[in-house]
């Protein structure tokens, strides 16, 4: 079996930084085409990926569907479901950027389409491969925290000026804009991956910045069946940045500041998977312990390439997808519950 012929649909920041270089770093995947109608992005794609065809429209791509095995969809959220549906019906495996659909019903329908055509449907939750999250997952799994009581997780930024030209700032519900659908999708996914489907959801979705049309400062609280409570903050208006993770257990806590370095490396054009990729120095490590008795914990290396390595194995039938579709649907159910909770001022049972 030859390499999995991969076509990337979309070449904005997501496609150019978070997908194309990661795909190219994985043995068994071959980036054979990029789809973008933007002339500047076309030129950049030709320069950075000389072995890949540059295709102007998705219609042209689907006319050549037999040339590809896997489609990666990283375009504005409103186009995820129609493009993924069309790709699956064309007999192609699919990876869709998060959120892979706007509603849980759409997500289930897309999963049913994938099953009917016996094709892989992958959801790109690369933040499961952040080094700090990998470290949290290990500490939870090996019992060093004891029974986890509370999981606090934050994606906070200081961006007081609204970027009105961006689709993520659009008020149109079909755009699926706002920080809950953006950063919140990652935070909820990580909580679900650690502690399972929530039983109850409470949320405060606020629009703080002058001129903003969608939520930009939000909080979501989840109760899991085990009794763990996940408190998740996402904000573009944080003038002070809280800890990335604060996990409280019966034996110890783990507290970690700062962001995984992979995003910055990708935006700078660094080569994925080179020696030292995704590692942090001791000054960035989190600490484990109790008041007055803490020790640094080395952060595991981040590895976004492991997501696509798992996709490559799944396409070959040699492994499971890195994100179960049931978990991805749970994330959408949680987002819908969070929106109802905030609108009605109530806790919503799932």
C-alpha atoms as a PDB file:
ATOM      1  CA  UNK A   1       0.000   0.000   0.000  1.00  0.00           C
ATOM      2  CA  UNK A   2       1.424   3.370  -1.038  1.00  0.00           C
ATOM      3  CA  UNK A   3       1.282   6.596   0.946  1.00  0.00           C
ATOM      4  CA  UNK A   4      -2.109   8.060   1.772  1.00  0.00           C
ATOM      5  CA  UNK A   5      -2.660  10.747  -0.850  1.00  0.00           C
ATOM      6  CA  UNK A   6      -3.834  13.787   1.097  1.00  0.00           C
ATOM      7  CA  UNK A   7      -5.517  16.927  -0.193  1.00  0.00           C
ATOM      8  CA  UNK A   8      -5.822  19.992   2.031  1.00  0.00           C
ATOM      9  CA  UNK A   9      -8.914  22.165   1.562  1.00  0.00           C
ATOM     10  CA  UNK A  10      -8.202  25.652   2.877  1.00  0.00           C
ATOM     11  CA  UNK A  11      -4.894  27.448   3.223  1.00  0.00           C
ATOM     12  CA  UNK A  12      -5.415  30.177   5.790  1.00  0.00           C
ATOM     13  CA  UNK A  13      -3.558  30.056   9.097  1.00  0.00           C
ATOM     14  CA  UNK A  14      -5.147  26.714   9.930  1.00  0.00           C
ATOM     15  CA  UNK A  15      -4.163  25.042   6.694  1.00  0.00           C
ATOM     16  CA  UNK A  16      -0.748  26.612   6.246  1.00  0.00           C
ATOM     17  CA  UNK A  17       0.428  26.356   9.876  1.00  0.00           C
ATOM     18  CA  UNK A  18      -1.559  23.659  11.693  1.00  0.00           C
ATOM     19  CA  UNK A  19      -2.172  21.066   8.985  1.00  0.00           C
ATOM     20  CA  UNK A  20       0.146  21.143   5.962  1.00  0.00           C
ATOM     21  CA  UNK A  21       3.484  20.988   7.821  1.00  0.00           C
ATOM     22  CA  UNK A  22       2.157  18.377  10.251  1.00  0.00           C
ATOM     23  CA  UNK A  23       0.853  16.160   7.443  1.00  0.00           C
ATOM     24  CA  UNK A  24       4.207  16.406   5.660  1.00  0.00           C
ATOM     25  CA  UNK A  25       6.028  15.322   8.808  1.00  0.00           C
ATOM     26  CA  UNK A  26       4.212  11.974   9.021  1.00  0.00           C
ATOM     27  CA  UNK A  27       5.520   8.872   7.277  1.00  0.00           C
ATOM     28  CA  UNK A  28       2.785   7.289   5.195  1.00  0.00           C
ATOM     29  CA  UNK A  29       1.005  10.544   4.385  1.00  0.00           C
ATOM     30  CA  UNK A  30       1.725  12.517   1.216  1.00  0.00           C
ATOM     31  CA  UNK A  31       0.407  16.042   0.699  1.00  0.00           C
ATOM     32  CA  UNK A  32      -0.457  15.876  -2.987  1.00  0.00           C
ATOM     33  CA  UNK A  33      -2.722  18.924  -3.369  1.00  0.00           C
ATOM     34  CA  UNK A  34      -3.860  22.153  -1.729  1.00  0.00           C
ATOM     35  CA  UNK A  35      -7.214  23.771  -2.526  1.00  0.00           C
ATOM     36  CA  UNK A  36      -7.439  27.552  -2.270  1.00  0.00           C
ATOM     37  CA  UNK A  37      -8.830  30.242  -4.532  1.00  0.00           C
ATOM     38  CA  UNK A  38      -6.785  33.063  -3.005  1.00  0.00           C
ATOM     39  CA  UNK A  39      -3.922  34.034  -5.385  1.00  0.00           C
ATOM     40  CA  UNK A  40      -1.534  34.996  -2.577  1.00  0.00           C
ATOM     41  CA  UNK A  41      -2.192  31.750  -0.750  1.00  0.00           C
ATOM     42  CA  UNK A  42      -1.800  29.810  -3.977  1.00  0.00           C
ATOM     43  CA  UNK A  43       1.641  31.338  -4.470  1.00  0.00           C
ATOM     44  CA  UNK A  44       2.612  30.569  -0.877  1.00  0.00           C
ATOM     45  CA  UNK A  45       1.419  26.972  -1.192  1.00  0.00           C
ATOM     46  CA  UNK A  46       3.452  26.477  -4.389  1.00  0.00           C
ATOM     47  CA  UNK A  47       6.535  27.889  -2.696  1.00  0.00           C
ATOM     48  CA  UNK A  48       6.250  25.922   0.536  1.00  0.00           C
ATOM     49  CA  UNK A  49       4.903  22.673  -0.918  1.00  0.00           C
ATOM     50  CA  UNK A  50       6.389  22.343  -4.413  1.00  0.00           C
ATOM     51  CA  UNK A  51       5.374  18.710  -4.675  1.00  0.00           C
ATOM     52  CA  UNK A  52       1.686  19.474  -4.248  1.00  0.00           C
ATOM     53  CA  UNK A  53      -0.776  20.568  -6.924  1.00  0.00           C
ATOM     54  CA  UNK A  54      -2.610  23.818  -6.223  1.00  0.00           C
ATOM     55  CA  UNK A  55      -6.306  23.587  -7.077  1.00  0.00           C
ATOM     56  CA  UNK A  56      -8.554  26.635  -7.272  1.00  0.00           C
ATOM     57  CA  UNK A  57     -11.949  25.226  -6.245  1.00  0.00           C
ATOM     58  CA  UNK A  58     -13.491  22.281  -4.455  1.00  0.00           C
ATOM     59  CA  UNK A  59     -15.452  21.450  -7.625  1.00  0.00           C
ATOM     60  CA  UNK A  60     -12.142  20.922  -9.416  1.00  0.00           C
ATOM     61  CA  UNK A  61     -10.935  18.791  -6.522  1.00  0.00           C
ATOM     62  CA  UNK A  62     -14.024  16.574  -6.514  1.00  0.00           C
ATOM     63  CA  UNK A  63     -13.701  16.135 -10.276  1.00  0.00           C
ATOM     64  CA  UNK A  64     -10.352  14.514  -9.451  1.00  0.00           C
ATOM     65  CA  UNK A  65     -11.569  12.577  -6.397  1.00  0.00           C
ATOM     66  CA  UNK A  66      -9.891   9.393  -7.625  1.00  0.00           C
ATOM     67  CA  UNK A  67      -6.495  11.082  -7.212  1.00  0.00           C
ATOM     68  CA  UNK A  68      -6.897  11.329  -3.441  1.00  0.00           C
ATOM     69  CA  UNK A  69      -7.424   9.116  -0.405  1.00  0.00           C
ATOM     70  CA  UNK A  70      -7.824  11.634   2.419  1.00  0.00           C
ATOM     71  CA  UNK A  71      -9.343  15.123   2.497  1.00  0.00           C
ATOM     72  CA  UNK A  72      -8.403  17.564   5.280  1.00  0.00           C
ATOM     73  CA  UNK A  73     -11.003  20.318   5.663  1.00  0.00           C
ATOM     74  CA  UNK A  74      -9.846  23.528   7.316  1.00  0.00           C
ATOM     75  CA  UNK A  75     -12.165  26.269   6.093  1.00  0.00           C
ATOM     76  CA  UNK A  76     -14.659  28.539   7.915  1.00  0.00           C
ATOM     77  CA  UNK A  77     -16.932  26.549  10.208  1.00  0.00           C
ATOM     78  CA  UNK A  78     -20.113  26.975   8.158  1.00  0.00           C
ATOM     79  CA  UNK A  79     -18.619  24.878   5.340  1.00  0.00           C
ATOM     80  CA  UNK A  80     -17.452  21.902   7.436  1.00  0.00           C
ATOM     81  CA  UNK A  81     -20.573  19.753   7.150  1.00  0.00           C
ATOM     82  CA  UNK A  82     -21.378  20.245   3.433  1.00  0.00           C
ATOM     83  CA  UNK A  83     -17.780  19.701   2.329  1.00  0.00           C
ATOM     84  CA  UNK A  84     -17.247  16.704   4.595  1.00  0.00           C
ATOM     85  CA  UNK A  85     -20.507  15.140   3.420  1.00  0.00           C
ATOM     86  CA  UNK A  86     -19.558  15.595  -0.206  1.00  0.00           C
ATOM     87  CA  UNK A  87     -16.096  14.144   0.385  1.00  0.00           C
ATOM     88  CA  UNK A  88     -17.412  11.072   2.191  1.00  0.00           C
ATOM     89  CA  UNK A  89     -19.975  10.477  -0.553  1.00  0.00           C
ATOM     90  CA  UNK A  90     -17.118  10.687  -3.062  1.00  0.00           C
ATOM     91  CA  UNK A  91     -15.465   7.775  -1.267  1.00  0.00           C
ATOM     92  CA  UNK A  92     -12.759   9.765   0.510  1.00  0.00           C
ATOM     93  CA  UNK A  93     -11.574   9.586   4.096  1.00  0.00           C
ATOM     94  CA  UNK A  94     -12.018  12.913   5.885  1.00  0.00           C
ATOM     95  CA  UNK A  95     -10.418  14.948   8.667  1.00  0.00           C
ATOM     96  CA  UNK A  96     -12.432  18.035   9.672  1.00  0.00           C
ATOM     97  CA  UNK A  97     -11.146  20.894  11.764  1.00  0.00           C
ATOM     98  CA  UNK A  98     -12.989  21.568  15.013  1.00  0.00           C
ATOM     99  CA  UNK A  99     -15.868  22.077  15.522  1.00  0.00           C
ATOM    100  CA  UNK A 100     -16.635  19.426  12.927  1.00  0.00           C
ATOM    101  CA  UNK A 101     -20.314  20.435  12.872  1.00  0.00           C
ATOM    102  CA  UNK A 102     -22.564  23.118  14.303  1.00  0.00           C
ATOM    103  CA  UNK A 103     -24.919  20.833  16.202  1.00  0.00           C
ATOM    104  CA  UNK A 104     -24.861  17.345  17.641  1.00  0.00           C
ATOM    105  CA  UNK A 105     -27.573  16.317  15.174  1.00  0.00           C
ATOM    106  CA  UNK A 106     -25.379  17.408  12.263  1.00  0.00           C
ATOM    107  CA  UNK A 107     -22.451  15.569  13.806  1.00  0.00           C
ATOM    108  CA  UNK A 108     -24.411  12.338  14.141  1.00  0.00           C
ATOM    109  CA  UNK A 109     -25.651  12.632  10.560  1.00  0.00           C
ATOM    110  CA  UNK A 110     -22.093  13.142   9.315  1.00  0.00           C
ATOM    111  CA  UNK A 111     -20.917  10.137  11.314  1.00  0.00           C
ATOM    112  CA  UNK A 112     -23.725   8.066   9.792  1.00  0.00           C
ATOM    113  CA  UNK A 113     -22.630   9.134   6.311  1.00  0.00           C
ATOM    114  CA  UNK A 114     -19.066   8.036   7.078  1.00  0.00           C
ATOM    115  CA  UNK A 115     -20.277   4.674   8.375  1.00  0.00           C
ATOM    116  CA  UNK A 116     -22.529   4.151   5.352  1.00  0.00           C
ATOM    117  CA  UNK A 117     -19.628   4.722   2.970  1.00  0.00           C
ATOM    118  CA  UNK A 118     -17.159   2.865   5.209  1.00  0.00           C
ATOM    119  CA  UNK A 119     -14.833   5.819   5.408  1.00  0.00           C
ATOM    120  CA  UNK A 120     -12.904   7.427   8.256  1.00  0.00           C
ATOM    121  CA  UNK A 121     -14.285  10.633   9.773  1.00  0.00           C
ATOM    122  CA  UNK A 122     -11.615  12.310  11.885  1.00  0.00           C
ATOM    123  CA  UNK A 123     -12.030  15.430  14.028  1.00  0.00           C
ATOM    124  CA  UNK A 124      -8.902  17.559  14.383  1.00  0.00           C
ATOM    125  CA  UNK A 125      -8.447  18.022  18.114  1.00  0.00           C
ATOM    126  CA  UNK A 126      -4.726  18.676  18.054  1.00  0.00           C
ATOM    127  CA  UNK A 127      -4.745  20.088  21.584  1.00  0.00           C
ATOM    128  CA  UNK A 128      -4.955  16.550  22.936  1.00  0.00           C
ATOM    129  CA  UNK A 129      -1.318  16.446  21.835  1.00  0.00           C
ATOM    130  CA  UNK A 130      -0.213  19.551  23.709  1.00  0.00           C
ATOM    131  CA  UNK A 131       2.616  18.639  26.052  1.00  0.00           C
ATOM    132  CA  UNK A 132       0.939  20.145  29.099  1.00  0.00           C
ATOM    133  CA  UNK A 133      -2.297  18.220  28.481  1.00  0.00           C
ATOM    134  CA  UNK A 134      -0.348  15.014  27.944  1.00  0.00           C
ATOM    135  CA  UNK A 135       1.299  15.673  31.304  1.00  0.00           C
ATOM    136  CA  UNK A 136      -2.050  16.228  33.017  1.00  0.00           C
ATOM    137  CA  UNK A 137      -3.393  13.032  31.471  1.00  0.00           C
ATOM    138  CA  UNK A 138      -0.421  11.063  32.790  1.00  0.00           C
ATOM    139  CA  UNK A 139      -0.709  12.514  36.297  1.00  0.00           C
ATOM    140  CA  UNK A 140      -4.438  11.769  36.403  1.00  0.00           C
ATOM    141  CA  UNK A 141      -3.849   8.248  35.103  1.00  0.00           C
ATOM    142  CA  UNK A 142      -0.988   7.272  37.391  1.00  0.00           C
ATOM    143  CA  UNK A 143      -2.792   8.381  40.560  1.00  0.00           C
ATOM    144  CA  UNK A 144      -0.280  10.957  41.749  1.00  0.00           C
ATOM    145  CA  UNK A 145      -3.114  13.468  42.196  1.00  0.00           C
ATOM    146  CA  UNK A 146      -5.339  10.970  43.975  1.00  0.00           C
ATOM    147  CA  UNK A 147      -9.042  11.326  43.269  1.00  0.00           C
ATOM    148  CA  UNK A 148      -9.478  14.419  41.103  1.00  0.00           C
ATOM    149  CA  UNK A 149     -11.985  16.876  42.535  1.00  0.00           C
ATOM    150  CA  UNK A 150     -11.676  19.835  40.202  1.00  0.00           C
ATOM    151  CA  UNK A 151     -10.125  20.348  36.779  1.00  0.00           C
ATOM    152  CA  UNK A 152      -9.479  23.974  35.843  1.00  0.00           C
ATOM    153  CA  UNK A 153      -8.405  24.769  32.291  1.00  0.00           C
ATOM    154  CA  UNK A 154      -7.924  28.105  30.554  1.00  0.00           C
ATOM    155  CA  UNK A 155      -7.297  29.537  27.112  1.00  0.00           C
ATOM    156  CA  UNK A 156      -7.017  33.233  27.906  1.00  0.00           C
ATOM    157  CA  UNK A 157      -5.710  36.014  25.708  1.00  0.00           C
ATOM    158  CA  UNK A 158      -5.462  39.795  25.812  1.00  0.00           C
ATOM    159  CA  UNK A 159      -6.956  40.973  22.511  1.00  0.00           C
ATOM    160  CA  UNK A 160      -9.002  44.056  23.366  1.00  0.00           C
ATOM    161  CA  UNK A 161      -9.500  45.106  19.735  1.00  0.00           C
ATOM    162  CA  UNK A 162     -12.125  43.263  17.695  1.00  0.00           C
ATOM    163  CA  UNK A 163     -10.991  41.937  14.309  1.00  0.00           C
ATOM    164  CA  UNK A 164     -14.259  42.736  12.557  1.00  0.00           C
ATOM    165  CA  UNK A 165     -13.140  41.279   9.216  1.00  0.00           C
ATOM    166  CA  UNK A 166     -12.788  37.759  10.581  1.00  0.00           C
ATOM    167  CA  UNK A 167     -15.542  35.166  10.172  1.00  0.00           C
ATOM    168  CA  UNK A 168     -15.083  34.121  13.802  1.00  0.00           C
ATOM    169  CA  UNK A 169     -16.483  37.518  14.815  1.00  0.00           C
ATOM    170  CA  UNK A 170     -19.660  37.277  12.712  1.00  0.00           C
ATOM    171  CA  UNK A 171     -23.055  37.344  14.423  1.00  0.00           C
ATOM    172  CA  UNK A 172     -24.676  35.097  11.811  1.00  0.00           C
ATOM    173  CA  UNK A 173     -25.473  31.834  13.668  1.00  0.00           C
ATOM    174  CA  UNK A 174     -24.502  29.851  10.567  1.00  0.00           C
ATOM    175  CA  UNK A 175     -20.935  31.161  10.896  1.00  0.00           C
ATOM    176  CA  UNK A 176     -20.503  29.362  14.232  1.00  0.00           C
ATOM    177  CA  UNK A 177     -18.420  32.270  15.476  1.00  0.00           C
ATOM    178  CA  UNK A 178     -17.535  33.212  19.017  1.00  0.00           C
ATOM    179  CA  UNK A 179     -15.002  31.988  21.514  1.00  0.00           C
ATOM    180  CA  UNK A 180     -17.086  29.038  22.744  1.00  0.00           C
ATOM    181  CA  UNK A 181     -17.036  27.401  19.304  1.00  0.00           C
ATOM    182  CA  UNK A 182     -13.376  28.371  18.877  1.00  0.00           C
ATOM    183  CA  UNK A 183     -11.268  27.889  22.003  1.00  0.00           C
ATOM    184  CA  UNK A 184     -14.097  26.348  23.994  1.00  0.00           C
ATOM    185  CA  UNK A 185     -14.227  23.372  21.653  1.00  0.00           C
ATOM    186  CA  UNK A 186     -10.656  22.485  22.644  1.00  0.00           C
ATOM    187  CA  UNK A 187     -11.260  22.949  26.368  1.00  0.00           C
ATOM    188  CA  UNK A 188     -14.434  20.889  26.409  1.00  0.00           C
ATOM    189  CA  UNK A 189     -12.788  18.150  24.348  1.00  0.00           C
ATOM    190  CA  UNK A 190      -9.911  17.886  26.813  1.00  0.00           C
ATOM    191  CA  UNK A 191     -12.317  17.617  29.757  1.00  0.00           C
ATOM    192  CA  UNK A 192     -14.328  14.928  27.952  1.00  0.00           C
ATOM    193  CA  UNK A 193     -11.151  13.026  27.059  1.00  0.00           C
ATOM    194  CA  UNK A 194     -10.089  13.000  30.708  1.00  0.00           C
ATOM    195  CA  UNK A 195     -13.347  12.488  32.582  1.00  0.00           C
ATOM    196  CA  UNK A 196     -16.000  11.416  30.094  1.00  0.00           C
ATOM    197  CA  UNK A 197     -19.380  12.764  29.111  1.00  0.00           C
ATOM    198  CA  UNK A 198     -20.688  15.483  31.445  1.00  0.00           C
ATOM    199  CA  UNK A 199     -23.985  15.021  33.220  1.00  0.00           C
ATOM    200  CA  UNK A 200     -24.664  18.737  33.795  1.00  0.00           C
ATOM    201  CA  UNK A 201     -23.553  21.962  32.098  1.00  0.00           C
ATOM    202  CA  UNK A 202     -23.592  25.552  33.347  1.00  0.00           C
ATOM    203  CA  UNK A 203     -22.242  28.483  31.311  1.00  0.00           C
ATOM    204  CA  UNK A 204     -21.767  32.239  31.242  1.00  0.00           C
ATOM    205  CA  UNK A 205     -21.225  33.470  27.681  1.00  0.00           C
ATOM    206  CA  UNK A 206     -20.418  37.175  27.620  1.00  0.00           C
ATOM    207  CA  UNK A 207     -19.671  39.743  24.940  1.00  0.00           C
ATOM    208  CA  UNK A 208     -17.364  42.320  26.501  1.00  0.00           C
ATOM    209  CA  UNK A 209     -15.447  44.260  23.833  1.00  0.00           C
ATOM    210  CA  UNK A 210     -16.859  47.329  22.140  1.00  0.00           C
ATOM    211  CA  UNK A 211     -18.051  46.337  18.679  1.00  0.00           C
ATOM    212  CA  UNK A 212     -17.997  42.606  19.392  1.00  0.00           C
ATOM    213  CA  UNK A 213     -21.002  40.648  18.093  1.00  0.00           C
ATOM    214  CA  UNK A 214     -20.284  37.220  19.584  1.00  0.00           C
ATOM    215  CA  UNK A 215     -19.109  35.840  22.924  1.00  0.00           C
ATOM    216  CA  UNK A 216     -15.513  36.753  23.694  1.00  0.00           C
ATOM    217  CA  UNK A 217     -15.284  36.083  27.455  1.00  0.00           C
ATOM    218  CA  UNK A 218     -16.913  32.859  28.562  1.00  0.00           C
ATOM    219  CA  UNK A 219     -16.969  30.285  31.340  1.00  0.00           C
ATOM    220  CA  UNK A 220     -18.295  26.725  31.257  1.00  0.00           C
ATOM    221  CA  UNK A 221     -18.698  24.412  34.252  1.00  0.00           C
ATOM    222  CA  UNK A 222     -19.145  20.681  33.715  1.00  0.00           C
ATOM    223  CA  UNK A 223     -20.121  17.996  36.203  1.00  0.00           C
ATOM    224  CA  UNK A 224     -18.970  14.517  35.246  1.00  0.00           C
ATOM    225  CA  UNK A 225     -20.529  11.225  36.336  1.00  0.00           C
ATOM    226  CA  UNK A 226     -17.538  10.524  38.589  1.00  0.00           C
ATOM    227  CA  UNK A 227     -18.167  13.731  40.544  1.00  0.00           C
ATOM    228  CA  UNK A 228     -15.251  15.603  38.960  1.00  0.00           C
ATOM    229  CA  UNK A 229     -16.073  19.211  38.141  1.00  0.00           C
ATOM    230  CA  UNK A 230     -14.389  20.838  35.151  1.00  0.00           C
ATOM    231  CA  UNK A 231     -14.190  24.633  35.174  1.00  0.00           C
ATOM    232  CA  UNK A 232     -13.230  26.031  31.781  1.00  0.00           C
ATOM    233  CA  UNK A 233     -12.366  29.650  30.967  1.00  0.00           C
ATOM    234  CA  UNK A 234     -11.941  31.069  27.459  1.00  0.00           C
ATOM    235  CA  UNK A 235     -11.353  34.749  26.896  1.00  0.00           C
ATOM    236  CA  UNK A 236     -10.002  37.405  24.555  1.00  0.00           C
ATOM    237  CA  UNK A 237     -10.288  40.028  27.287  1.00  0.00           C
ATOM    238  CA  UNK A 238      -8.021  38.680  30.042  1.00  0.00           C
ATOM    239  CA  UNK A 239      -5.717  41.479  31.202  1.00  0.00           C
ATOM    240  CA  UNK A 240      -4.132  38.928  33.524  1.00  0.00           C
ATOM    241  CA  UNK A 241      -3.569  35.341  32.390  1.00  0.00           C
ATOM    242  CA  UNK A 242      -4.468  32.608  34.854  1.00  0.00           C
ATOM    243  CA  UNK A 243      -2.851  29.169  34.991  1.00  0.00           C
ATOM    244  CA  UNK A 244      -3.275  27.042  31.901  1.00  0.00           C
ATOM    245  CA  UNK A 245      -4.129  24.114  34.179  1.00  0.00           C
ATOM    246  CA  UNK A 246      -4.965  23.830  37.878  1.00  0.00           C
ATOM    247  CA  UNK A 247      -5.963  20.307  38.851  1.00  0.00           C
ATOM    248  CA  UNK A 248      -6.964  19.586  42.461  1.00  0.00           C
ATOM    249  CA  UNK A 249      -7.004  16.068  43.842  1.00  0.00           C
ATOM    250  CA  UNK A 250      -7.184  14.223  47.146  1.00  0.00           C
ATOM    251  CA  UNK A 251      -3.401  13.752  47.255  1.00  0.00           C
ATOM    252  CA  UNK A 252      -1.953  16.722  45.402  1.00  0.00           C
ATOM    253  CA  UNK A 253      -2.488  19.519  42.928  1.00  0.00           C
ATOM    254  CA  UNK A 254      -0.861  20.244  39.586  1.00  0.00           C
ATOM    255  CA  UNK A 255      -0.533  23.854  38.444  1.00  0.00           C
ATOM    256  CA  UNK A 256       0.876  24.895  35.080  1.00  0.00           C
ATOM    257  CA  UNK A 257       1.223  28.336  33.474  1.00  0.00           C
ATOM    258  CA  UNK A 258       1.931  29.206  29.856  1.00  0.00           C
ATOM    259  CA  UNK A 259       0.935  27.737  26.514  1.00  0.00           C
ATOM    260  CA  UNK A 260       2.261  24.716  24.667  1.00  0.00           C
ATOM    261  CA  UNK A 261       5.073  25.939  22.358  1.00  0.00           C
ATOM    262  CA  UNK A 262       3.934  24.135  19.185  1.00  0.00           C
ATOM    263  CA  UNK A 263       1.567  26.856  17.939  1.00  0.00           C
ATOM    264  CA  UNK A 264       4.312  29.471  18.070  1.00  0.00           C
ATOM    265  CA  UNK A 265       6.745  27.108  16.348  1.00  0.00           C
ATOM    266  CA  UNK A 266       4.271  26.302  13.576  1.00  0.00           C
ATOM    267  CA  UNK A 267       3.440  29.942  12.962  1.00  0.00           C
ATOM    268  CA  UNK A 268       7.178  30.638  12.706  1.00  0.00           C
ATOM    269  CA  UNK A 269       7.598  27.908  10.092  1.00  0.00           C
ATOM    270  CA  UNK A 270       9.681  25.509  12.191  1.00  0.00           C
ATOM    271  CA  UNK A 271      10.055  21.932  10.957  1.00  0.00           C
ATOM    272  CA  UNK A 272       7.719  19.555  12.766  1.00  0.00           C
ATOM    273  CA  UNK A 273       9.293  16.666  14.639  1.00  0.00           C
ATOM    274  CA  UNK A 274      12.871  17.899  14.614  1.00  0.00           C
ATOM    275  CA  UNK A 275      14.968  17.190  17.740  1.00  0.00           C
ATOM    276  CA  UNK A 276      13.551  19.102  20.680  1.00  0.00           C
ATOM    277  CA  UNK A 277      10.194  19.673  18.987  1.00  0.00           C
ATOM    278  CA  UNK A 278       7.456  20.615  21.442  1.00  0.00           C
ATOM    279  CA  UNK A 279       9.695  20.585  24.515  1.00  0.00           C
ATOM    280  CA  UNK A 280       9.745  23.164  27.301  1.00  0.00           C
ATOM    281  CA  UNK A 281      12.586  24.341  29.507  1.00  0.00           C
ATOM    282  CA  UNK A 282      12.451  23.867  33.291  1.00  0.00           C
ATOM    283  CA  UNK A 283      11.291  27.453  33.792  1.00  0.00           C
ATOM    284  CA  UNK A 284       7.999  26.546  32.076  1.00  0.00           C
ATOM    285  CA  UNK A 285       7.290  23.281  33.913  1.00  0.00           C
ATOM    286  CA  UNK A 286       4.285  22.934  36.185  1.00  0.00           C
ATOM    287  CA  UNK A 287       4.464  21.973  39.845  1.00  0.00           C
ATOM    288  CA  UNK A 288       2.933  19.056  41.723  1.00  0.00           C
ATOM    289  CA  UNK A 289       2.269  18.838  45.429  1.00  0.00           C
ATOM    290  CA  UNK A 290       0.551  20.451  48.377  1.00  0.00           C
ATOM    291  CA  UNK A 291       1.016  23.856  50.079  1.00  0.00           C
ATOM    292  CA  UNK A 292       4.661  24.205  51.100  1.00  0.00           C
ATOM    293  CA  UNK A 293       5.678  20.937  49.465  1.00  0.00           C
ATOM    294  CA  UNK A 294       5.733  21.155  45.681  1.00  0.00           C
ATOM    295  CA  UNK A 295       8.074  19.759  43.066  1.00  0.00           C
ATOM    296  CA  UNK A 296       8.511  20.629  39.380  1.00  0.00           C
ATOM    297  CA  UNK A 297       7.192  18.138  36.861  1.00  0.00           C
ATOM    298  CA  UNK A 298       8.855  17.977  33.471  1.00  0.00           C
ATOM    299  CA  UNK A 299       6.346  18.718  30.724  1.00  0.00           C
ATOM    300  CA  UNK A 300       6.015  15.925  28.201  1.00  0.00           C
ATOM    301  CA  UNK A 301       6.940  16.928  24.647  1.00  0.00           C
ATOM    302  CA  UNK A 302       4.024  18.151  22.575  1.00  0.00           C
ATOM    303  CA  UNK A 303       3.469  16.155  19.392  1.00  0.00           C
ATOM    304  CA  UNK A 304       0.785  17.281  16.943  1.00  0.00           C
ATOM    305  CA  UNK A 305       2.318  14.887  14.434  1.00  0.00           C
ATOM    306  CA  UNK A 306       1.041  12.009  16.580  1.00  0.00           C
ATOM    307  CA  UNK A 307      -2.517  12.975  15.642  1.00  0.00           C
ATOM    308  CA  UNK A 308      -1.850  12.506  11.948  1.00  0.00           C
ATOM    309  CA  UNK A 309       0.237   9.395  12.552  1.00  0.00           C
ATOM    310  CA  UNK A 310      -2.848   7.874  14.206  1.00  0.00           C
ATOM    311  CA  UNK A 311      -5.003   8.999  11.264  1.00  0.00           C
ATOM    312  CA  UNK A 312      -2.606   7.305   8.844  1.00  0.00           C
ATOM    313  CA  UNK A 313      -2.836   4.042  10.792  1.00  0.00           C
ATOM    314  CA  UNK A 314      -6.635   4.280  10.955  1.00  0.00           C
ATOM    315  CA  UNK A 315      -6.890   4.805   7.197  1.00  0.00           C
ATOM    316  CA  UNK A 316      -4.860   1.633   6.707  1.00  0.00           C
ATOM    317  CA  UNK A 317      -7.074  -0.238   9.180  1.00  0.00           C
ATOM    318  CA  UNK A 318      -4.166  -0.624  11.589  1.00  0.00           C
ATOM    319  CA  UNK A 319      -5.512   1.416  14.477  1.00  0.00           C
ATOM    320  CA  UNK A 320      -8.307   3.565  15.899  1.00  0.00           C
ATOM    321  CA  UNK A 321      -8.826   7.258  15.120  1.00  0.00           C
ATOM    322  CA  UNK A 322      -7.194   9.558  17.696  1.00  0.00           C
ATOM    323  CA  UNK A 323     -10.573  11.125  18.578  1.00  0.00           C
ATOM    324  CA  UNK A 324     -13.630   8.896  18.896  1.00  0.00           C
ATOM    325  CA  UNK A 325     -16.570  10.317  16.986  1.00  0.00           C
ATOM    326  CA  UNK A 326     -18.798   9.755  20.029  1.00  0.00           C
ATOM    327  CA  UNK A 327     -16.574  12.096  22.031  1.00  0.00           C
ATOM    328  CA  UNK A 328     -16.691  14.716  19.262  1.00  0.00           C
ATOM    329  CA  UNK A 329     -20.499  14.564  19.302  1.00  0.00           C
ATOM    330  CA  UNK A 330     -20.450  14.917  23.092  1.00  0.00           C
ATOM    331  CA  UNK A 331     -18.459  18.130  22.673  1.00  0.00           C
ATOM    332  CA  UNK A 332     -21.188  19.501  20.379  1.00  0.00           C
ATOM    333  CA  UNK A 333     -23.914  18.438  22.824  1.00  0.00           C
ATOM    334  CA  UNK A 334     -22.031  20.259  25.562  1.00  0.00           C
ATOM    335  CA  UNK A 335     -21.697  23.419  23.485  1.00  0.00           C
ATOM    336  CA  UNK A 336     -25.422  23.388  22.749  1.00  0.00           C
ATOM    337  CA  UNK A 337     -26.174  22.881  26.442  1.00  0.00           C
ATOM    338  CA  UNK A 338     -23.805  25.727  27.344  1.00  0.00           C
ATOM    339  CA  UNK A 339     -25.626  28.074  24.998  1.00  0.00           C
ATOM    340  CA  UNK A 340     -28.987  27.130  26.524  1.00  0.00           C
ATOM    341  CA  UNK A 341     -27.585  27.486  30.032  1.00  0.00           C
ATOM    342  CA  UNK A 342     -26.256  30.970  29.400  1.00  0.00           C
ATOM    343  CA  UNK A 343     -29.419  32.130  27.624  1.00  0.00           C
ATOM    344  CA  UNK A 344     -31.756  30.846  30.345  1.00  0.00           C
ATOM    345  CA  UNK A 345     -29.518  31.220  33.403  1.00  0.00           C
ATOM    346  CA  UNK A 346     -29.916  27.569  34.372  1.00  0.00           C
ATOM    347  CA  UNK A 347     -27.905  24.367  34.686  1.00  0.00           C
ATOM    348  CA  UNK A 348     -28.687  21.986  31.827  1.00  0.00           C
ATOM    349  CA  UNK A 349     -28.737  18.203  32.294  1.00  0.00           C
ATOM    350  CA  UNK A 350     -27.319  16.163  29.415  1.00  0.00           C
END
